[in-house]
Amino acid sequence: MILTLSCPDRTGIVAKVSTLLFESGANILDAQQFDDVETGRFFMRVVFDPGGADQAALAEAVEGLAKALSMQWVLRDPTQRRRVMILAS
């Protein structure tokens, strides 16, 4: 699974997200984050193996965290193909 999120920057976001995934039984495979100092926003992308985690329960837990952090998020299955357009000149 891939979780992408953005929210106003503050301390503890990485800890809260990783704790949520750990408590759900997921294993983080890759994590990337970026702070945009001009806008004060935090961006994160986490690739993880959900293990035996119930995806509906996981999404509900993320929604609870999202409300607390004013976070926009997307949780998606990496096996679902995405449409991409590449432009070159």
Protein backbone atom coordinates (compact mmCIF):
# COMPACT_ATOMS: atom_id res chain seq x y z
CA MET A 1 0.00 0.00 0.00
CA ILE A 2 1.02 3.60 -0.53
CA LEU A 3 -0.03 6.42 1.77
CA THR A 4 0.51 9.97 0.54
CA LEU A 5 -0.35 12.92 2.71
CA SER A 6 0.07 16.63 3.20
CA CYS A 7 -0.78 18.87 6.14
CA PRO A 8 0.38 21.99 7.94
CA ASP A 9 3.91 21.36 9.21
CA ARG A 10 4.36 20.63 12.90
CA THR A 11 6.49 18.36 15.06
CA GLY A 12 5.62 14.69 15.47
CA ILE A 13 3.92 13.96 12.14
CA VAL A 14 6.37 11.22 11.12
CA ALA A 15 6.14 9.65 14.58
CA LYS A 16 2.34 9.66 14.53
CA VAL A 17 2.11 8.14 11.04
CA SER A 18 4.73 5.47 11.70
CA THR A 19 3.13 4.61 15.07
CA LEU A 20 -0.28 4.28 13.44
CA LEU A 21 1.12 1.89 10.81
CA PHE A 22 3.04 -0.09 13.44
CA GLU A 23 -0.01 -0.46 15.66
CA SER A 24 -2.01 -1.64 12.64
CA GLY A 25 0.53 -4.42 12.01
CA ALA A 26 2.00 -2.82 8.89
CA ASN A 27 5.68 -2.84 7.93
CA ILE A 28 7.12 0.36 6.41
CA LEU A 29 9.19 -0.42 3.30
CA ASP A 30 10.00 3.12 2.17
CA ALA A 31 9.24 6.60 3.50
CA GLN A 32 9.96 10.03 2.04
CA GLN A 33 9.07 13.42 3.40
CA PHE A 34 9.43 17.06 2.47
CA ASP A 35 8.84 20.31 4.32
CA ASP A 36 7.92 23.31 2.18
CA VAL A 37 9.20 26.23 4.25
CA GLU A 38 7.54 28.79 1.98
CA THR A 39 4.02 27.40 2.49
CA GLY A 40 4.55 25.75 5.87
CA ARG A 41 3.24 22.41 4.52
CA PHE A 42 4.55 18.92 5.17
CA PHE A 43 4.38 16.19 2.50
CA MET A 44 4.96 12.48 3.04
CA ARG A 45 4.82 9.29 0.98
CA VAL A 46 4.98 5.93 2.76
CA VAL A 47 5.14 2.55 1.04
CA PHE A 48 4.24 -0.26 3.39
CA ASP A 49 3.24 -3.90 3.58
CA PRO A 50 -0.11 -3.98 5.39
CA GLY A 51 0.54 -7.50 6.64
CA GLY A 52 -2.67 -8.82 8.12
CA ALA A 53 -4.08 -5.34 8.70
CA ASP A 54 -7.73 -4.83 7.78
CA GLN A 55 -7.65 -2.15 5.08
CA ALA A 56 -10.98 -0.64 6.11
CA ALA A 57 -9.82 -0.35 9.73
CA LEU A 58 -6.51 1.10 8.56
CA ALA A 59 -8.27 3.72 6.43
CA GLU A 60 -10.49 4.59 9.41
CA ALA A 61 -7.43 5.03 11.64
CA VAL A 62 -5.76 7.25 9.05
CA GLU A 63 -8.96 9.32 8.81
CA GLY A 64 -8.88 9.87 12.57
CA LEU A 65 -5.28 11.05 12.39
CA ALA A 66 -6.11 13.19 9.37
CA LYS A 67 -8.76 15.08 11.31
CA ALA A 68 -6.37 15.72 14.18
CA LEU A 69 -3.64 17.05 11.84
CA SER A 70 -5.82 18.81 9.21
CA MET A 71 -4.36 16.34 6.73
CA GLN A 72 -5.27 15.49 3.16
CA TRP A 73 -4.40 11.90 2.34
CA VAL A 74 -4.72 9.10 -0.21
CA LEU A 75 -4.28 5.40 0.48
CA ARG A 76 -3.87 3.28 -2.63
CA ASP A 77 -2.90 -0.17 -3.78
CA PRO A 78 0.35 -0.03 -5.78
CA THR A 79 -0.85 -2.81 -8.09
CA GLN A 80 -3.53 -0.51 -9.50
CA ARG A 81 -2.13 1.04 -12.63
CA ARG A 82 -2.23 4.81 -12.91
CA ARG A 83 -2.63 6.81 -16.06
CA VAL A 84 0.45 8.88 -16.85
CA MET A 85 1.20 11.35 -19.61
CA ILE A 86 4.78 12.20 -20.52
CA LEU A 87 5.40 15.35 -22.50
CA ALA A 88 8.66 16.27 -24.14
CA SER A 89 9.81 19.02 -26.44
